[in-house]
Amino acid sequence: MMKIVLLALIVFVVMLSGGILLENIYPSISSLVLEIIMSIIAALIVIVFGILTNKKKN
């Protein structure tokens, strides 16, 4: 379970930093709040798939 949380944290940071970089290049694309929401959703998807694959192994 700790590996899943660590992977979700990595995905969150990568998505957020990519979104901030993209917003600095093209400021009219989206707001920072939208980037944070998308990063949280990506991290939750990683957690859900991690839990599902972990249950499948058992």
PDB file of N, CA and C in Angstrom:
ATOM      1  N   MET A   1       0.822  -1.194   0.000  1.00  0.00           N
ATOM      2  CA  MET A   1       0.000   0.000   0.000  1.00  0.00           C
ATOM      3  C   MET A   1       0.867   1.260   0.000  1.00  0.00           C
ATOM      4  N   MET A   2       2.018   1.186   0.679  1.00  0.00           N
ATOM      5  CA  MET A   2       2.900   2.350   0.733  1.00  0.00           C
ATOM      6  C   MET A   2       3.455   2.678  -0.648  1.00  0.00           C
ATOM      7  N   LYS A   3       3.713   1.640  -1.460  1.00  0.00           N
ATOM      8  CA  LYS A   3       4.205   1.869  -2.821  1.00  0.00           C
ATOM      9  C   LYS A   3       3.158   2.589  -3.659  1.00  0.00           C
ATOM     10  N   ILE A   4       1.895   2.262  -3.447  1.00  0.00           N
ATOM     11  CA  ILE A   4       0.806   2.895  -4.200  1.00  0.00           C
ATOM     12  C   ILE A   4       0.715   4.377  -3.841  1.00  0.00           C
ATOM     13  N   VAL A   5       0.814   4.682  -2.553  1.00  0.00           N
ATOM     14  CA  VAL A   5       0.739   6.075  -2.112  1.00  0.00           C
ATOM     15  C   VAL A   5       1.938   6.861  -2.633  1.00  0.00           C
ATOM     16  N   LEU A   6       3.117   6.250  -2.616  1.00  0.00           N
ATOM     17  CA  LEU A   6       4.308   6.916  -3.132  1.00  0.00           C
ATOM     18  C   LEU A   6       4.186   7.179  -4.627  1.00  0.00           C
ATOM     19  N   LEU A   7       3.676   6.203  -5.364  1.00  0.00           N
ATOM     20  CA  LEU A   7       3.471   6.386  -6.800  1.00  0.00           C
ATOM     21  C   LEU A   7       2.437   7.473  -7.073  1.00  0.00           C
ATOM     22  N   ALA A   8       1.376   7.514  -6.282  1.00  0.00           N
ATOM     23  CA  ALA A   8       0.363   8.557  -6.446  1.00  0.00           C
ATOM     24  C   ALA A   8       0.943   9.937  -6.155  1.00  0.00           C
ATOM     25  N   LEU A   9       1.811  10.025  -5.165  1.00  0.00           N
ATOM     26  CA  LEU A   9       2.455  11.299  -4.852  1.00  0.00           C
ATOM     27  C   LEU A   9       3.370  11.750  -5.991  1.00  0.00           C
ATOM     28  N   ILE A  10       4.101  10.805  -6.575  1.00  0.00           N
ATOM     29  CA  ILE A  10       4.964  11.126  -7.714  1.00  0.00           C
ATOM     30  C   ILE A  10       4.130  11.605  -8.897  1.00  0.00           C
ATOM     31  N   VAL A  11       3.028  10.918  -9.178  1.00  0.00           N
ATOM     32  CA  VAL A  11       2.149  11.326 -10.283  1.00  0.00           C
ATOM     33  C   VAL A  11       1.581  12.715 -10.020  1.00  0.00           C
ATOM     34  N   PHE A  12       1.181  12.982  -8.776  1.00  0.00           N
ATOM     35  CA  PHE A  12       0.637  14.293  -8.427  1.00  0.00           C
ATOM     36  C   PHE A  12       1.660  15.397  -8.679  1.00  0.00           C
ATOM     37  N   VAL A  13       2.894  15.185  -8.229  1.00  0.00           N
ATOM     38  CA  VAL A  13       3.933  16.210  -8.380  1.00  0.00           C
ATOM     39  C   VAL A  13       4.284  16.424  -9.846  1.00  0.00           C
ATOM     40  N   VAL A  14       4.392  15.335 -10.608  1.00  0.00           N
ATOM     41  CA  VAL A  14       4.734  15.463 -12.028  1.00  0.00           C
ATOM     42  C   VAL A  14       3.620  16.171 -12.795  1.00  0.00           C
ATOM     43  N   MET A  15       2.368  15.788 -12.544  1.00  0.00           N
ATOM     44  CA  MET A  15       1.252  16.445 -13.228  1.00  0.00           C
ATOM     45  C   MET A  15       1.175  17.922 -12.856  1.00  0.00           C
ATOM     46  N   LEU A  16       1.375  18.228 -11.581  1.00  0.00           N
ATOM     47  CA  LEU A  16       1.277  19.616 -11.133  1.00  0.00           C
ATOM     48  C   LEU A  16       2.408  20.460 -11.704  1.00  0.00           C
ATOM     49  N   SER A  17       3.622  19.922 -11.693  1.00  0.00           N
ATOM     50  CA  SER A  17       4.741  20.703 -12.229  1.00  0.00           C
ATOM     51  C   SER A  17       4.612  20.888 -13.734  1.00  0.00           C
ATOM     52  N   GLY A  18       4.137  19.873 -14.431  1.00  0.00           N
ATOM     53  CA  GLY A  18       3.899  20.019 -15.865  1.00  0.00           C
ATOM     54  C   GLY A  18       2.812  21.028 -16.159  1.00  0.00           C
ATOM     55  N   GLY A  19       1.782  21.040 -15.357  1.00  0.00           N
ATOM     56  CA  GLY A  19       0.703  22.010 -15.537  1.00  0.00           C
ATOM     57  C   GLY A  19       1.153  23.429 -15.258  1.00  0.00           C
ATOM     58  N   ILE A  20       1.975  23.601 -14.226  1.00  0.00           N
ATOM     59  CA  ILE A  20       2.489  24.939 -13.915  1.00  0.00           C
ATOM     60  C   ILE A  20       3.416  25.417 -15.022  1.00  0.00           C
ATOM     61  N   LEU A  21       4.247  24.517 -15.540  1.00  0.00           N
ATOM     62  CA  LEU A  21       5.142  24.884 -16.641  1.00  0.00           C
ATOM     63  C   LEU A  21       4.347  25.263 -17.880  1.00  0.00           C
ATOM     64  N   LEU A  22       3.320  24.493 -18.174  1.00  0.00           N
ATOM     65  CA  LEU A  22       2.482  24.793 -19.336  1.00  0.00           C
ATOM     66  C   LEU A  22       1.745  26.117 -19.152  1.00  0.00           C
ATOM     67  N   GLU A  23       1.318  26.392 -17.918  1.00  0.00           N
ATOM     68  CA  GLU A  23       0.607  27.644 -17.666  1.00  0.00           C
ATOM     69  C   GLU A  23       1.540  28.846 -17.788  1.00  0.00           C
ATOM     70  N   ASN A  24       2.819  28.658 -17.452  1.00  0.00           N
ATOM     71  CA  ASN A  24       3.774  29.753 -17.619  1.00  0.00           C
ATOM     72  C   ASN A  24       4.042  30.031 -19.090  1.00  0.00           C
ATOM     73  N   ILE A  25       4.008  28.997 -19.925  1.00  0.00           N
ATOM     74  CA  ILE A  25       4.243  29.186 -21.357  1.00  0.00           C
ATOM     75  C   ILE A  25       2.995  29.752 -22.022  1.00  0.00           C
ATOM     76  N   TYR A  26       1.841  29.148 -21.746  1.00  0.00           N
ATOM     77  CA  TYR A  26       0.567  29.590 -22.322  1.00  0.00           C
ATOM     78  C   TYR A  26      -0.394  29.933 -21.189  1.00  0.00           C
ATOM     79  N   PRO A  27      -0.400  31.179 -20.711  1.00  0.00           N
ATOM     80  CA  PRO A  27      -1.223  31.503 -19.528  1.00  0.00           C
ATOM     81  C   PRO A  27      -2.727  31.437 -19.765  1.00  0.00           C
ATOM     82  N   SER A  28      -3.166  31.430 -21.001  1.00  0.00           N
ATOM     83  CA  SER A  28      -4.612  31.450 -21.242  1.00  0.00           C
ATOM     84  C   SER A  28      -5.227  30.053 -21.294  1.00  0.00           C
ATOM     85  N   ILE A  29      -4.426  28.994 -21.196  1.00  0.00           N
ATOM     86  CA  ILE A  29      -4.972  27.636 -21.336  1.00  0.00           C
ATOM     87  C   ILE A  29      -5.859  27.274 -20.142  1.00  0.00           C
ATOM     88  N   SER A  30      -5.336  27.353 -18.941  1.00  0.00           N
ATOM     89  CA  SER A  30      -6.142  26.976 -17.776  1.00  0.00           C
ATOM     90  C   SER A  30      -5.580  27.633 -16.529  1.00  0.00           C
ATOM     91  N   SER A  31      -6.327  27.542 -15.473  1.00  0.00           N
ATOM     92  CA  SER A  31      -5.898  28.162 -14.221  1.00  0.00           C
ATOM     93  C   SER A  31      -5.160  27.151 -13.354  1.00  0.00           C
ATOM     94  N   LEU A  32      -4.525  27.655 -12.330  1.00  0.00           N
ATOM     95  CA  LEU A  32      -3.775  26.802 -11.414  1.00  0.00           C
ATOM     96  C   LEU A  32      -4.702  25.867 -10.644  1.00  0.00           C
ATOM     97  N   VAL A  33      -5.891  26.330 -10.342  1.00  0.00           N
ATOM     98  CA  VAL A  33      -6.856  25.494  -9.613  1.00  0.00           C
ATOM     99  C   VAL A  33      -7.231  24.274 -10.443  1.00  0.00           C
ATOM    100  N   LEU A  34      -7.427  24.473 -11.733  1.00  0.00           N
ATOM    101  CA  LEU A  34      -7.744  23.355 -12.615  1.00  0.00           C
ATOM    102  C   LEU A  34      -6.593  22.363 -12.679  1.00  0.00           C
ATOM    103  N   GLU A  35      -5.363  22.860 -12.690  1.00  0.00           N
ATOM    104  CA  GLU A  35      -4.197  21.974 -12.702  1.00  0.00           C
ATOM    105  C   GLU A  35      -4.116  21.157 -11.412  1.00  0.00           C
ATOM    106  N   ILE A  36      -4.417  21.776 -10.284  1.00  0.00           N
ATOM    107  CA  ILE A  36      -4.402  21.050  -9.010  1.00  0.00           C
ATOM    108  C   ILE A  36      -5.479  19.974  -9.002  1.00  0.00           C
ATOM    109  N   ILE A  37      -6.667  20.302  -9.495  1.00  0.00           N
ATOM    110  CA  ILE A  37      -7.758  19.322  -9.546  1.00  0.00           C
ATOM    111  C   ILE A  37      -7.390  18.154 -10.455  1.00  0.00           C
ATOM    112  N   MET A  38      -6.801  18.445 -11.616  1.00  0.00           N
ATOM    113  CA  MET A  38      -6.401  17.368 -12.528  1.00  0.00           C
ATOM    114  C   MET A  38      -5.313  16.501 -11.906  1.00  0.00           C
ATOM    115  N   SER A  39      -4.393  17.104 -11.161  1.00  0.00           N
ATOM    116  CA  SER A  39      -3.335  16.338 -10.502  1.00  0.00           C
ATOM    117  C   SER A  39      -3.905  15.431  -9.420  1.00  0.00           C
ATOM    118  N   ILE A  40      -4.876  15.925  -8.668  1.00  0.00           N
ATOM    119  CA  ILE A  40      -5.515  15.108  -7.631  1.00  0.00           C
ATOM    120  C   ILE A  40      -6.268  13.944  -8.269  1.00  0.00           C
ATOM    121  N   ILE A  41      -6.968  14.204  -9.369  1.00  0.00           N
ATOM    122  CA  ILE A  41      -7.694  13.132 -10.057  1.00  0.00           C
ATOM    123  C   ILE A  41      -6.727  12.076 -10.578  1.00  0.00           C
ATOM    124  N   ALA A  42      -5.597  12.503 -11.137  1.00  0.00           N
ATOM    125  CA  ALA A  42      -4.602  11.545 -11.631  1.00  0.00           C
ATOM    126  C   ALA A  42      -4.046  10.702 -10.488  1.00  0.00           C
ATOM    127  N   ALA A  43      -3.787  11.323  -9.349  1.00  0.00           N
ATOM    128  CA  ALA A  43      -3.284  10.577  -8.194  1.00  0.00           C
ATOM    129  C   ALA A  43      -4.332   9.594  -7.678  1.00  0.00           C
ATOM    130  N   LEU A  44      -5.595   9.990  -7.670  1.00  0.00           N
ATOM    131  CA  LEU A  44      -6.657   9.079  -7.231  1.00  0.00           C
ATOM    132  C   LEU A  44      -6.813   7.899  -8.182  1.00  0.00           C
ATOM    133  N   ILE A  45      -6.651   8.139  -9.480  1.00  0.00           N
ATOM    134  CA  ILE A  45      -6.716   7.038 -10.450  1.00  0.00           C
ATOM    135  C   ILE A  45      -5.597   6.042 -10.191  1.00  0.00           C
ATOM    136  N   VAL A  46      -4.396   6.546  -9.894  1.00  0.00           N
ATOM    137  CA  VAL A  46      -3.276   5.651  -9.580  1.00  0.00           C
ATOM    138  C   VAL A  46      -3.582   4.833  -8.331  1.00  0.00           C
ATOM    139  N   ILE A  47      -4.158   5.457  -7.314  1.00  0.00           N
ATOM    140  CA  ILE A  47      -4.488   4.735  -6.080  1.00  0.00           C
ATOM    141  C   ILE A  47      -5.539   3.665  -6.350  1.00  0.00           C
ATOM    142  N   VAL A  48      -6.569   3.997  -7.117  1.00  0.00           N
ATOM    143  CA  VAL A  48      -7.634   3.026  -7.407  1.00  0.00           C
ATOM    144  C   VAL A  48      -7.091   1.839  -8.190  1.00  0.00           C
ATOM    145  N   PHE A  49      -6.305   2.100  -9.237  1.00  0.00           N
ATOM    146  CA  PHE A  49      -5.746   0.991 -10.005  1.00  0.00           C
ATOM    147  C   PHE A  49      -4.771   0.168  -9.176  1.00  0.00           C
ATOM    148  N   GLY A  50      -4.041   0.825  -8.284  1.00  0.00           N
ATOM    149  CA  GLY A  50      -3.131   0.094  -7.405  1.00  0.00           C
ATOM    150  C   GLY A  50      -3.882  -0.821  -6.455  1.00  0.00           C
ATOM    151  N   ILE A  51      -4.982  -0.348  -5.904  1.00  0.00           N
ATOM    152  CA  ILE A  51      -5.784  -1.177  -4.996  1.00  0.00           C
ATOM    153  C   ILE A  51      -6.420  -2.335  -5.755  1.00  0.00           C
ATOM    154  N   LEU A  52      -6.923  -2.053  -6.964  1.00  0.00           N
ATOM    155  CA  LEU A  52      -7.559  -3.117  -7.749  1.00  0.00           C
ATOM    156  C   LEU A  52      -6.565  -4.198  -8.144  1.00  0.00           C
ATOM    157  N   THR A  53      -5.358  -3.806  -8.558  1.00  0.00           N
ATOM    158  CA  THR A  53      -4.369  -4.821  -8.933  1.00  0.00           C
ATOM    159  C   THR A  53      -3.853  -5.557  -7.713  1.00  0.00           C
ATOM    160  N   ASN A  54      -3.815  -4.886  -6.566  1.00  0.00           N
ATOM    161  CA  ASN A  54      -3.380  -5.546  -5.347  1.00  0.00           C
ATOM    162  C   ASN A  54      -4.403  -6.587  -4.908  1.00  0.00           C
ATOM    163  N   LYS A  55      -5.695  -6.295  -5.063  1.00  0.00           N
ATOM    164  CA  LYS A  55      -6.733  -7.266  -4.718  1.00  0.00           C
ATOM    165  C   LYS A  55      -6.720  -8.440  -5.685  1.00  0.00           C
ATOM    166  N   LYS A  56      -6.366  -8.171  -6.940  1.00  0.00           N
ATOM    167  CA  LYS A  56      -6.349  -9.230  -7.943  1.00  0.00           C
ATOM    168  C   LYS A  56      -5.254 -10.256  -7.652  1.00  0.00           C
ATOM    169  N   LYS A  57      -4.139  -9.807  -7.065  1.00  0.00           N
ATOM    170  CA  LYS A  57      -3.036 -10.711  -6.752  1.00  0.00           C
ATOM    171  C   LYS A  57      -3.389 -11.644  -5.601  1.00  0.00           C
ATOM    172  N   ASN A  58      -4.237 -11.186  -4.684  1.00  0.00           N
ATOM    173  CA  ASN A  58      -4.571 -12.000  -3.502  1.00  0.00           C
ATOM    174  C   ASN A  58      -5.581 -13.054  -3.797  1.00  0.00           C
TER     175      ASN A  58
END
